[in-house]
């Protein structure tokens, strides 16, 4: 009897830990997403924007032997981009409230939006990370983690969509089966129209 409350407490702790991990992953992704996309939803850049800000502020602490100047320059550019997106949001240019933005790379590739977000953007950021690391190691590692985070988020979102599509397909097939049986049973008794049998 006493195991149930402790089990529930453990589940809540695990959920909170997962929430924080997910929030930091989104924060790392947003570090570069604000430059890669436009037209965000009203609620997309919210708490995770603050997490990304904290990441940019303290990421240099993990590289004590390096000059953090470029990280702070990037931080300033990040703040400007967030401000720009907030201005666009107030002007009503955004779409769905949680829309993750339109990729700027769509003008260069003929792939779908989902494919660009899931493949092209992470690859572009990771490639840029390796090039940047030749000049500035901390910023290069930051971009690397951001590219990985984008891939994780977009792949997870695609899996969720596919799961919902499978559920909808199953429901559709079940309803079709029920409808066919309904028609069969009504056909055996005659069609009732307006309360009367044909």
Protein backbone atom coordinates (compact mmCIF):
# COMPACT_ATOMS: atom_id res chain seq x y z
CA UNK A 1 0.00 0.00 0.00
CA UNK A 2 2.88 2.35 0.76
CA UNK A 3 4.62 1.67 -2.55
CA UNK A 4 2.02 3.52 -4.64
CA UNK A 5 2.71 7.09 -3.35
CA UNK A 6 6.47 6.61 -3.64
CA UNK A 7 6.00 5.23 -7.16
CA UNK A 8 3.89 8.23 -8.15
CA UNK A 9 6.47 10.59 -6.65
CA UNK A 10 9.19 8.85 -8.64
CA UNK A 11 7.14 9.19 -11.83
CA UNK A 12 6.63 12.92 -11.21
CA UNK A 13 10.34 13.41 -10.59
CA UNK A 14 11.17 11.58 -13.82
CA UNK A 15 8.64 13.70 -15.71
CA UNK A 16 10.14 16.91 -14.32
CA UNK A 17 13.65 15.76 -15.23
CA UNK A 18 12.50 14.87 -18.74
CA UNK A 19 10.80 18.27 -19.04
CA UNK A 20 14.00 20.09 -18.12
CA UNK A 21 16.10 18.00 -20.50
CA UNK A 22 13.62 18.68 -23.30
CA UNK A 23 13.64 22.39 -22.48
CA UNK A 24 17.43 22.54 -22.73
CA UNK A 25 17.37 20.65 -26.03
CA UNK A 26 14.89 23.21 -27.39
CA UNK A 27 17.09 25.99 -26.03
CA UNK A 28 20.15 24.65 -27.84
CA UNK A 29 18.12 24.32 -31.04
CA UNK A 30 16.72 27.84 -30.79
CA UNK A 31 20.27 29.24 -30.66
CA UNK A 32 20.44 28.80 -34.44
CA UNK A 33 16.77 28.37 -35.39
CA UNK A 34 16.15 32.10 -34.98
CA UNK A 35 18.61 32.66 -37.84
CA UNK A 36 17.40 29.76 -39.98
CA UNK A 37 13.67 30.50 -40.04
CA UNK A 38 11.08 33.27 -40.11
CA UNK A 39 7.39 33.68 -39.32
CA UNK A 40 7.27 31.93 -35.95
CA UNK A 41 4.05 31.32 -34.06
CA UNK A 42 3.12 33.56 -31.13
CA UNK A 43 3.96 30.92 -28.52
CA UNK A 44 6.99 29.28 -30.13
CA UNK A 45 9.68 31.67 -28.87
CA UNK A 46 8.84 31.81 -25.17
CA UNK A 47 10.55 30.10 -22.22
CA UNK A 48 13.02 28.32 -24.48
CA UNK A 49 14.27 31.72 -25.68
CA UNK A 50 15.35 32.46 -22.11
CA UNK A 51 17.02 29.05 -21.86
CA UNK A 52 18.92 29.75 -25.09
CA UNK A 53 19.98 33.11 -23.64
CA UNK A 54 21.37 31.39 -20.52
CA UNK A 55 23.17 28.84 -22.68
CA UNK A 56 24.85 31.61 -24.67
CA UNK A 57 25.79 33.50 -21.51
CA UNK A 58 27.41 30.58 -19.70
CA UNK A 59 28.58 28.29 -22.50
CA UNK A 60 31.98 29.96 -22.56
CA UNK A 61 32.55 28.85 -18.95
CA UNK A 62 33.09 25.31 -20.23
CA UNK A 63 36.06 26.56 -22.26
CA UNK A 64 38.16 28.49 -19.72
CA UNK A 65 41.23 28.69 -21.93
CA UNK A 66 39.45 30.40 -24.83
CA UNK A 67 38.39 33.96 -25.55
CA UNK A 68 34.55 34.21 -25.29
CA UNK A 69 34.33 37.37 -27.42
CA UNK A 70 32.74 35.68 -30.45
CA UNK A 71 30.20 33.96 -28.21
CA UNK A 72 29.12 37.35 -26.87
CA UNK A 73 28.95 38.76 -30.40
CA UNK A 74 26.73 35.81 -31.33
CA UNK A 75 24.67 36.48 -28.19
CA UNK A 76 24.05 40.06 -29.36
CA UNK A 77 23.00 38.84 -32.81
CA UNK A 78 20.68 36.28 -31.18
CA UNK A 79 18.97 38.97 -29.09
CA UNK A 80 18.49 41.16 -32.18
CA UNK A 81 16.92 38.26 -34.11
CA UNK A 82 14.56 37.46 -31.22
CA UNK A 83 13.52 41.12 -31.08
CA UNK A 84 12.95 41.12 -34.83
CA UNK A 85 10.74 38.03 -34.61
CA UNK A 86 8.76 39.58 -31.75
CA UNK A 87 8.12 42.70 -33.85
CA UNK A 88 6.95 40.53 -36.76
CA UNK A 89 4.73 38.62 -34.36
CA UNK A 90 3.03 41.81 -33.13
CA UNK A 91 2.37 42.82 -36.73
CA UNK A 92 0.45 39.59 -37.24
CA UNK A 93 2.88 38.00 -39.69
CA UNK A 94 3.10 34.71 -37.79
CA UNK A 95 0.88 31.68 -38.48
CA UNK A 96 -0.11 28.94 -36.01
CA UNK A 97 0.66 29.88 -32.40
CA UNK A 98 3.21 27.04 -32.06
CA UNK A 99 4.49 27.15 -35.65
CA UNK A 100 8.26 26.54 -35.66
CA UNK A 101 8.92 28.90 -38.56
CA UNK A 102 9.46 28.74 -42.31
CA UNK A 103 13.00 27.63 -43.26
CA UNK A 104 14.98 30.21 -45.19
CA UNK A 105 16.70 27.31 -46.98
CA UNK A 106 13.46 26.54 -48.83
CA UNK A 107 14.43 29.08 -51.47
CA UNK A 108 17.52 27.00 -52.28
CA UNK A 109 16.13 23.46 -52.08
CA UNK A 110 13.12 21.85 -53.68
CA UNK A 111 12.46 19.56 -50.71
CA UNK A 112 9.45 19.78 -48.41
CA UNK A 113 9.48 21.97 -45.32
CA UNK A 114 9.67 18.95 -43.02
CA UNK A 115 12.61 17.45 -44.90
CA UNK A 116 14.53 20.74 -44.80
CA UNK A 117 13.94 21.11 -41.07
CA UNK A 118 14.81 17.49 -40.36
CA UNK A 119 17.81 17.06 -42.69
CA UNK A 120 19.09 20.16 -44.43
CA UNK A 121 19.12 22.51 -41.45
CA UNK A 122 20.96 20.17 -39.04
CA UNK A 123 23.52 19.28 -41.71
CA UNK A 124 24.06 22.95 -42.57
CA UNK A 125 24.53 23.91 -38.92
CA UNK A 126 26.87 20.99 -38.20
CA UNK A 127 28.94 21.80 -41.29
CA UNK A 128 29.11 25.44 -40.18
CA UNK A 129 30.11 24.25 -36.71
CA UNK A 130 33.14 22.39 -38.04
CA UNK A 131 34.22 25.41 -40.08
CA UNK A 132 33.68 27.77 -37.15
CA UNK A 133 35.68 25.55 -34.80
CA UNK A 134 38.75 26.27 -36.93
CA UNK A 135 38.46 29.91 -35.84
CA UNK A 136 36.63 29.72 -32.51
CA UNK A 137 36.28 26.40 -30.66
CA UNK A 138 33.56 27.39 -28.13
CA UNK A 139 31.28 28.83 -30.81
CA UNK A 140 31.96 25.81 -33.01
CA UNK A 141 30.88 23.42 -30.25
CA UNK A 142 27.81 25.55 -29.55
CA UNK A 143 26.73 25.31 -33.20
CA UNK A 144 27.45 21.58 -33.20
CA UNK A 145 25.16 20.96 -30.23
CA UNK A 146 22.54 23.21 -31.79
CA UNK A 147 22.56 21.22 -35.04
CA UNK A 148 22.20 17.96 -33.12
CA UNK A 149 19.35 19.46 -31.07
CA UNK A 150 17.50 20.57 -34.22
CA UNK A 151 17.76 17.05 -35.63
CA UNK A 152 16.46 15.51 -32.39
CA UNK A 153 13.50 17.89 -32.14
CA UNK A 154 12.42 17.64 -35.77
CA UNK A 155 12.85 13.84 -35.90
CA UNK A 156 10.79 13.51 -32.72
CA UNK A 157 8.09 15.79 -34.15
CA UNK A 158 7.96 13.73 -37.36
CA UNK A 159 7.60 10.50 -35.39
CA UNK A 160 4.75 12.04 -33.41
CA UNK A 161 2.99 13.08 -36.64
CA UNK A 162 3.43 9.62 -38.12
CA UNK A 163 1.99 8.06 -34.95
CA UNK A 164 -1.05 10.36 -35.15
CA UNK A 165 -1.53 9.51 -38.83
CA UNK A 166 -1.47 5.80 -38.01
CA UNK A 167 -4.05 6.33 -35.26
CA UNK A 168 -6.28 8.32 -37.61
CA UNK A 169 -5.95 5.63 -40.27
CA UNK A 170 -6.88 2.95 -37.75
CA UNK A 171 -9.92 4.96 -36.64
CA UNK A 172 -10.93 5.51 -40.27
CA UNK A 173 -10.72 1.78 -41.03
CA UNK A 174 -12.68 0.93 -37.89
CA UNK A 175 -15.40 3.43 -38.79
CA UNK A 176 -15.54 2.06 -42.32
CA UNK A 177 -15.97 -1.44 -40.94
CA UNK A 178 -18.73 -0.31 -38.56
CA UNK A 179 -20.45 1.60 -41.38
CA UNK A 180 -20.37 -1.43 -43.67
CA UNK A 181 -21.88 -3.61 -40.95
CA UNK A 182 -24.50 -0.92 -40.23
CA UNK A 183 -25.48 -0.80 -43.91
CA UNK A 184 -25.58 -4.59 -44.09
CA UNK A 185 -27.87 -4.90 -41.07
CA UNK A 186 -30.16 -2.12 -42.25
CA UNK A 187 -30.27 -3.66 -45.70
CA UNK A 188 -31.44 -6.92 -44.22
CA UNK A 189 -34.37 -5.24 -42.45
CA UNK A 190 -35.20 -2.66 -45.10
CA UNK A 191 -34.27 1.03 -45.12
CA UNK A 192 -36.03 3.27 -42.62
CA UNK A 193 -36.72 6.73 -44.01
CA UNK A 194 -38.45 9.41 -41.91
CA UNK A 195 -39.46 6.83 -39.31
CA UNK A 196 -41.06 4.43 -41.85
CA UNK A 197 -39.77 1.35 -43.66
CA UNK A 198 -39.41 1.59 -47.43
